[in-house]
């Protein structure tokens, strides 16, 4: 049986003070991780100060060095 192309995703191990950028979707934008564990991800917007708590949903696709954060619109 021939092999198949398979995409592998791994949950990202967030830690407090991580600065992240989510591209697209209703959660898109710049965030700072306030707290994280296996069941919750607590984030803060660096511009508005808004804080949210979500179930973990992010998976690492790429890390960028020397990126502007928060990004200009």
PDB file of N, CA and C in Angstrom:
ATOM      1  N   UNK A   1       0.850  -1.178   0.000  1.00  0.00           N
ATOM      2  CA  UNK A   1       0.000   0.000   0.000  1.00  0.00           C
ATOM      3  C   UNK A   1       0.895   1.242   0.000  1.00  0.00           C
ATOM      4  N   UNK A   2       0.672   2.201  -0.918  1.00  0.00           N
ATOM      5  CA  UNK A   2       1.528   3.383  -0.999  1.00  0.00           C
ATOM      6  C   UNK A   2       1.360   4.282   0.222  1.00  0.00           C
ATOM      7  N   UNK A   3       2.408   5.065   0.514  1.00  0.00           N
ATOM      8  CA  UNK A   3       2.363   6.016   1.629  1.00  0.00           C
ATOM      9  C   UNK A   3       1.453   7.189   1.313  1.00  0.00           C
ATOM     10  N   UNK A   4       1.069   7.894   2.323  1.00  0.00           N
ATOM     11  CA  UNK A   4       0.188   9.057   2.186  1.00  0.00           C
ATOM     12  C   UNK A   4       0.856  10.286   2.773  1.00  0.00           C
ATOM     13  N   UNK A   5       0.533  11.428   2.223  1.00  0.00           N
ATOM     14  CA  UNK A   5       1.000  12.682   2.797  1.00  0.00           C
ATOM     15  C   UNK A   5       0.142  12.954   4.027  1.00  0.00           C
ATOM     16  N   UNK A   6       0.771  13.197   5.157  1.00  0.00           N
ATOM     17  CA  UNK A   6       0.067  13.394   6.418  1.00  0.00           C
ATOM     18  C   UNK A   6       0.545  14.700   7.049  1.00  0.00           C
ATOM     19  N   UNK A   7      -0.379  15.524   7.470  1.00  0.00           N
ATOM     20  CA  UNK A   7      -0.044  16.740   8.206  1.00  0.00           C
ATOM     21  C   UNK A   7      -0.115  16.427   9.688  1.00  0.00           C
ATOM     22  N   UNK A   8       0.938  16.802  10.412  1.00  0.00           N
ATOM     23  CA  UNK A   8       1.006  16.528  11.841  1.00  0.00           C
ATOM     24  C   UNK A   8       0.956  17.853  12.594  1.00  0.00           C
ATOM     25  N   UNK A   9       0.045  17.941  13.561  1.00  0.00           N
ATOM     26  CA  UNK A   9      -0.101  19.135  14.378  1.00  0.00           C
ATOM     27  C   UNK A   9       0.183  18.776  15.828  1.00  0.00           C
ATOM     28  N   UNK A  10       0.864  19.672  16.524  1.00  0.00           N
ATOM     29  CA  UNK A  10       1.143  19.466  17.942  1.00  0.00           C
ATOM     30  C   UNK A  10       0.658  20.683  18.719  1.00  0.00           C
ATOM     31  N   UNK A  11      -0.023  20.487  19.846  1.00  0.00           N
ATOM     32  CA  UNK A  11      -0.404  21.636  20.672  1.00  0.00           C
ATOM     33  C   UNK A  11       0.853  22.394  21.104  1.00  0.00           C
ATOM     34  N   UNK A  12       0.742  23.696  21.127  1.00  0.00           N
ATOM     35  CA  UNK A  12       1.891  24.513  21.521  1.00  0.00           C
ATOM     36  C   UNK A  12       1.962  24.636  23.037  1.00  0.00           C
ATOM     37  N   UNK A  13       3.144  24.473  23.630  1.00  0.00           N
ATOM     38  CA  UNK A  13       3.288  24.562  25.087  1.00  0.00           C
ATOM     39  C   UNK A  13       3.419  26.016  25.551  1.00  0.00           C
ATOM     40  N   UNK A  14       2.305  26.726  25.634  1.00  0.00           N
ATOM     41  CA  UNK A  14       2.318  28.124  26.036  1.00  0.00           C
ATOM     42  C   UNK A  14       2.816  28.292  27.466  1.00  0.00           C
ATOM     43  N   UNK A  15       3.435  29.434  27.720  1.00  0.00           N
ATOM     44  CA  UNK A  15       3.897  29.781  29.055  1.00  0.00           C
ATOM     45  C   UNK A  15       3.626  31.269  29.284  1.00  0.00           C
ATOM     46  N   UNK A  16       3.418  31.690  30.520  1.00  0.00           N
ATOM     47  CA  UNK A  16       3.194  33.107  30.800  1.00  0.00           C
ATOM     48  C   UNK A  16       4.283  33.981  30.186  1.00  0.00           C
ATOM     49  N   UNK A  17       3.862  35.144  29.715  1.00  0.00           N
ATOM     50  CA  UNK A  17       4.697  36.181  29.083  1.00  0.00           C
ATOM     51  C   UNK A  17       5.033  35.897  27.623  1.00  0.00           C
ATOM     52  N   UNK A  18       4.615  34.745  27.068  1.00  0.00           N
ATOM     53  CA  UNK A  18       4.799  34.525  25.632  1.00  0.00           C
ATOM     54  C   UNK A  18       4.028  35.602  24.878  1.00  0.00           C
ATOM     55  N   UNK A  19       4.629  36.134  23.860  1.00  0.00           N
ATOM     56  CA  UNK A  19       3.978  37.101  22.983  1.00  0.00           C
ATOM     57  C   UNK A  19       3.654  36.363  21.699  1.00  0.00           C
ATOM     58  N   UNK A  20       2.378  36.375  21.303  1.00  0.00           N
ATOM     59  CA  UNK A  20       1.963  35.591  20.144  1.00  0.00           C
ATOM     60  C   UNK A  20       1.169  36.448  19.171  1.00  0.00           C
ATOM     61  N   UNK A  21       1.110  35.995  17.939  1.00  0.00           N
ATOM     62  CA  UNK A  21       0.278  36.622  16.901  1.00  0.00           C
ATOM     63  C   UNK A  21      -0.531  35.510  16.246  1.00  0.00           C
ATOM     64  N   UNK A  22      -1.853  35.648  16.259  1.00  0.00           N
ATOM     65  CA  UNK A  22      -2.740  34.673  15.636  1.00  0.00           C
ATOM     66  C   UNK A  22      -3.214  35.266  14.320  1.00  0.00           C
ATOM     67  N   UNK A  23      -2.962  34.570  13.243  1.00  0.00           N
ATOM     68  CA  UNK A  23      -3.373  35.059  11.926  1.00  0.00           C
ATOM     69  C   UNK A  23      -4.750  34.521  11.578  1.00  0.00           C
ATOM     70  N   UNK A  24      -5.675  35.422  11.310  1.00  0.00           N
ATOM     71  CA  UNK A  24      -7.004  35.059  10.848  1.00  0.00           C
ATOM     72  C   UNK A  24      -7.933  34.597  11.943  1.00  0.00           C
ATOM     73  N   UNK A  25      -9.203  34.472  11.575  1.00  0.00           N
ATOM     74  CA  UNK A  25     -10.217  33.974  12.490  1.00  0.00           C
ATOM     75  C   UNK A  25     -10.647  35.011  13.510  1.00  0.00           C
ATOM     76  N   UNK A  26     -11.655  34.692  14.290  1.00  0.00           N
ATOM     77  CA  UNK A  26     -12.187  35.649  15.259  1.00  0.00           C
ATOM     78  C   UNK A  26     -11.221  35.938  16.413  1.00  0.00           C
ATOM     79  N   UNK A  27     -10.205  35.124  16.602  1.00  0.00           N
ATOM     80  CA  UNK A  27      -9.238  35.332  17.685  1.00  0.00           C
ATOM     81  C   UNK A  27      -7.955  35.983  17.175  1.00  0.00           C
ATOM     82  N   UNK A  28      -7.953  36.379  15.913  1.00  0.00           N
ATOM     83  CA  UNK A  28      -6.754  36.920  15.293  1.00  0.00           C
ATOM     84  C   UNK A  28      -6.243  38.177  15.974  1.00  0.00           C
ATOM     85  N   UNK A  29      -4.924  38.358  15.925  1.00  0.00           N
ATOM     86  CA  UNK A  29      -4.294  39.550  16.466  1.00  0.00           C
ATOM     87  C   UNK A  29      -3.145  39.202  17.384  1.00  0.00           C
ATOM     88  N   UNK A  30      -2.668  40.222  18.091  1.00  0.00           N
ATOM     89  CA  UNK A  30      -1.550  40.065  19.010  1.00  0.00           C
ATOM     90  C   UNK A  30      -2.069  39.833  20.421  1.00  0.00           C
ATOM     91  N   UNK A  31      -1.421  38.930  21.127  1.00  0.00           N
ATOM     92  CA  UNK A  31      -1.815  38.568  22.488  1.00  0.00           C
ATOM     93  C   UNK A  31      -0.576  38.279  23.315  1.00  0.00           C
ATOM     94  N   UNK A  32      -0.707  38.482  24.626  1.00  0.00           N
ATOM     95  CA  UNK A  32       0.308  38.037  25.570  1.00  0.00           C
ATOM     96  C   UNK A  32      -0.316  36.960  26.441  1.00  0.00           C
ATOM     97  N   UNK A  33       0.405  35.876  26.658  1.00  0.00           N
ATOM     98  CA  UNK A  33      -0.098  34.788  27.488  1.00  0.00           C
ATOM     99  C   UNK A  33       0.025  35.207  28.959  1.00  0.00           C
ATOM    100  N   UNK A  34      -1.103  35.200  29.659  1.00  0.00           N
ATOM    101  CA  UNK A  34      -1.140  35.527  31.086  1.00  0.00           C
ATOM    102  C   UNK A  34      -0.948  34.247  31.897  1.00  0.00           C
ATOM    103  N   UNK A  35      -1.648  33.182  31.506  1.00  0.00           N
ATOM    104  CA  UNK A  35      -1.544  31.889  32.180  1.00  0.00           C
ATOM    105  C   UNK A  35      -1.956  30.807  31.196  1.00  0.00           C
ATOM    106  N   UNK A  36      -1.446  29.603  31.406  1.00  0.00           N
ATOM    107  CA  UNK A  36      -1.780  28.493  30.510  1.00  0.00           C
ATOM    108  C   UNK A  36      -1.595  27.172  31.238  1.00  0.00           C
ATOM    109  N   UNK A  37      -2.515  26.261  30.968  1.00  0.00           N
ATOM    110  CA  UNK A  37      -2.355  24.889  31.429  1.00  0.00           C
ATOM    111  C   UNK A  37      -3.003  23.988  30.383  1.00  0.00           C
ATOM    112  N   UNK A  38      -3.181  22.728  30.679  1.00  0.00           N
ATOM    113  CA  UNK A  38      -3.714  21.785  29.694  1.00  0.00           C
ATOM    114  C   UNK A  38      -5.155  22.082  29.300  1.00  0.00           C
ATOM    115  N   UNK A  39      -5.897  22.791  30.152  1.00  0.00           N
ATOM    116  CA  UNK A  39      -7.319  23.017  29.879  1.00  0.00           C
ATOM    117  C   UNK A  39      -7.699  24.451  29.562  1.00  0.00           C
ATOM    118  N   UNK A  40      -6.857  25.428  29.900  1.00  0.00           N
ATOM    119  CA  UNK A  40      -7.211  26.826  29.656  1.00  0.00           C
ATOM    120  C   UNK A  40      -6.011  27.625  29.171  1.00  0.00           C
ATOM    121  N   UNK A  41      -6.334  28.657  28.413  1.00  0.00           N
ATOM    122  CA  UNK A  41      -5.350  29.597  27.897  1.00  0.00           C
ATOM    123  C   UNK A  41      -5.897  30.988  28.188  1.00  0.00           C
ATOM    124  N   UNK A  42      -5.214  31.731  29.034  1.00  0.00           N
ATOM    125  CA  UNK A  42      -5.659  33.070  29.424  1.00  0.00           C
ATOM    126  C   UNK A  42      -4.749  34.075  28.730  1.00  0.00           C
ATOM    127  N   UNK A  43      -5.344  34.945  27.882  1.00  0.00           N
ATOM    128  CA  UNK A  43      -4.591  35.885  27.064  1.00  0.00           C
ATOM    129  C   UNK A  43      -4.993  37.319  27.346  1.00  0.00           C
ATOM    130  N   UNK A  44      -4.062  38.258  27.065  1.00  0.00           N
ATOM    131  CA  UNK A  44      -4.331  39.693  27.196  1.00  0.00           C
ATOM    132  C   UNK A  44      -3.912  40.389  25.918  1.00  0.00           C
ATOM    133  N   UNK A  45      -4.781  41.285  25.421  1.00  0.00           N
ATOM    134  CA  UNK A  45      -4.449  42.110  24.257  1.00  0.00           C
ATOM    135  C   UNK A  45      -3.499  43.218  24.712  1.00  0.00           C
ATOM    136  N   UNK A  46      -2.336  43.392  24.041  1.00  0.00           N
ATOM    137  CA  UNK A  46      -1.373  44.405  24.469  1.00  0.00           C
ATOM    138  C   UNK A  46      -1.824  45.834  24.155  1.00  0.00           C
ATOM    139  N   UNK A  47      -2.827  45.995  23.321  1.00  0.00           N
ATOM    140  CA  UNK A  47      -3.295  47.327  22.938  1.00  0.00           C
ATOM    141  C   UNK A  47      -4.466  47.758  23.819  1.00  0.00           C
ATOM    142  N   UNK A  48      -5.519  46.940  23.881  1.00  0.00           N
ATOM    143  CA  UNK A  48      -6.733  47.313  24.621  1.00  0.00           C
ATOM    144  C   UNK A  48      -6.707  46.862  26.082  1.00  0.00           C
ATOM    145  N   UNK A  49      -5.855  45.877  26.390  1.00  0.00           N
ATOM    146  CA  UNK A  49      -5.834  45.326  27.737  1.00  0.00           C
ATOM    147  C   UNK A  49      -6.913  44.281  27.978  1.00  0.00           C
ATOM    148  N   UNK A  50      -7.746  44.028  26.962  1.00  0.00           N
ATOM    149  CA  UNK A  50      -8.811  43.026  27.080  1.00  0.00           C
ATOM    150  C   UNK A  50      -8.214  41.666  27.410  1.00  0.00           C
ATOM    151  N   UNK A  51      -8.837  40.965  28.343  1.00  0.00           N
ATOM    152  CA  UNK A  51      -8.377  39.632  28.709  1.00  0.00           C
ATOM    153  C   UNK A  51      -9.453  38.609  28.392  1.00  0.00           C
ATOM    154  N   UNK A  52      -9.011  37.455  27.905  1.00  0.00           N
ATOM    155  CA  UNK A  52      -9.929  36.377  27.532  1.00  0.00           C
ATOM    156  C   UNK A  52      -9.375  35.056  28.044  1.00  0.00           C
ATOM    157  N   UNK A  53     -10.267  34.108  28.258  1.00  0.00           N
ATOM    158  CA  UNK A  53      -9.872  32.753  28.619  1.00  0.00           C
ATOM    159  C   UNK A  53     -10.559  31.799  27.660  1.00  0.00           C
ATOM    160  N   UNK A  54      -9.767  30.987  26.999  1.00  0.00           N
ATOM    161  CA  UNK A  54     -10.274  30.035  26.031  1.00  0.00           C
ATOM    162  C   UNK A  54      -9.683  28.660  26.306  1.00  0.00           C
ATOM    163  N   UNK A  55     -10.305  27.640  25.764  1.00  0.00           N
ATOM    164  CA  UNK A  55      -9.692  26.321  25.744  1.00  0.00           C
ATOM    165  C   UNK A  55      -8.529  26.402  24.762  1.00  0.00           C
ATOM    166  N   UNK A  56      -7.438  25.679  25.017  1.00  0.00           N
ATOM    167  CA  UNK A  56      -6.301  25.739  24.081  1.00  0.00           C
ATOM    168  C   UNK A  56      -6.737  25.384  22.655  1.00  0.00           C
ATOM    169  N   UNK A  57      -6.250  26.161  21.700  1.00  0.00           N
ATOM    170  CA  UNK A  57      -6.677  25.990  20.314  1.00  0.00           C
ATOM    171  C   UNK A  57      -5.545  26.206  19.324  1.00  0.00           C
ATOM    172  N   UNK A  58      -4.414  26.692  19.769  1.00  0.00           N
ATOM    173  CA  UNK A  58      -3.330  27.048  18.849  1.00  0.00           C
ATOM    174  C   UNK A  58      -2.348  25.913  18.658  1.00  0.00           C
ATOM    175  N   UNK A  59      -1.839  25.842  17.460  1.00  0.00           N
ATOM    176  CA  UNK A  59      -0.817  24.873  17.110  1.00  0.00           C
ATOM    177  C   UNK A  59       0.298  25.613  16.402  1.00  0.00           C
ATOM    178  N   UNK A  60       1.530  25.286  16.721  1.00  0.00           N
ATOM    179  CA  UNK A  60       2.662  25.983  16.141  1.00  0.00           C
ATOM    180  C   UNK A  60       2.794  25.665  14.660  1.00  0.00           C
ATOM    181  N   UNK A  61       2.830  26.706  13.850  1.00  0.00           N
ATOM    182  CA  UNK A  61       3.032  26.554  12.420  1.00  0.00           C
ATOM    183  C   UNK A  61       4.402  27.117  12.047  1.00  0.00           C
ATOM    184  N   UNK A  62       4.761  28.230  12.647  1.00  0.00           N
ATOM    185  CA  UNK A  62       6.015  28.891  12.306  1.00  0.00           C
ATOM    186  C   UNK A  62       6.398  29.809  13.455  1.00  0.00           C
ATOM    187  N   UNK A  63       7.698  29.939  13.699  1.00  0.00           N
ATOM    188  CA  UNK A  63       8.204  30.937  14.626  1.00  0.00           C
ATOM    189  C   UNK A  63       9.003  31.945  13.821  1.00  0.00           C
ATOM    190  N   UNK A  64       8.809  33.215  14.116  1.00  0.00           N
ATOM    191  CA  UNK A  64       9.512  34.264  13.379  1.00  0.00           C
ATOM    192  C   UNK A  64      10.423  35.024  14.337  1.00  0.00           C
ATOM    193  N   UNK A  65      11.668  35.231  13.951  1.00  0.00           N
ATOM    194  CA  UNK A  65      12.604  36.024  14.740  1.00  0.00           C
ATOM    195  C   UNK A  65      12.518  37.475  14.289  1.00  0.00           C
ATOM    196  N   UNK A  66      12.739  38.365  15.198  1.00  0.00           N
ATOM    197  CA  UNK A  66      12.766  39.804  14.913  1.00  0.00           C
ATOM    198  C   UNK A  66      11.460  40.319  14.334  1.00  0.00           C
ATOM    199  N   UNK A  67      10.328  39.761  14.748  1.00  0.00           N
ATOM    200  CA  UNK A  67       9.022  40.205  14.264  1.00  0.00           C
ATOM    201  C   UNK A  67       8.551  41.399  15.084  1.00  0.00           C
ATOM    202  N   UNK A  68       7.843  42.311  14.456  1.00  0.00           N
ATOM    203  CA  UNK A  68       7.253  43.449  15.157  1.00  0.00           C
ATOM    204  C   UNK A  68       6.073  42.961  15.977  1.00  0.00           C
ATOM    205  N   UNK A  69       6.029  43.357  17.271  1.00  0.00           N
ATOM    206  CA  UNK A  69       4.924  42.946  18.134  1.00  0.00           C
ATOM    207  C   UNK A  69       4.659  44.017  19.158  1.00  0.00           C
ATOM    208  N   UNK A  70       3.464  44.547  19.317  1.00  0.00           N
ATOM    209  CA  UNK A  70       2.318  44.250  18.478  1.00  0.00           C
ATOM    210  C   UNK A  70       2.492  44.802  17.073  1.00  0.00           C
ATOM    211  N   UNK A  71       1.921  44.107  16.123  1.00  0.00           N
ATOM    212  CA  UNK A  71       2.050  44.505  14.717  1.00  0.00           C
ATOM    213  C   UNK A  71       1.161  45.718  14.438  1.00  0.00           C
ATOM    214  N   UNK A  72       1.617  46.558  13.536  1.00  0.00           N
ATOM    215  CA  UNK A  72       0.788  47.695  13.097  1.00  0.00           C
ATOM    216  C   UNK A  72      -0.279  47.177  12.162  1.00  0.00           C
ATOM    217  N   UNK A  73      -1.439  47.760  12.259  1.00  0.00           N
ATOM    218  CA  UNK A  73      -2.573  47.314  11.396  1.00  0.00           C
ATOM    219  C   UNK A  73      -2.321  47.703   9.968  1.00  0.00           C
TER     220      UNK A  73
END
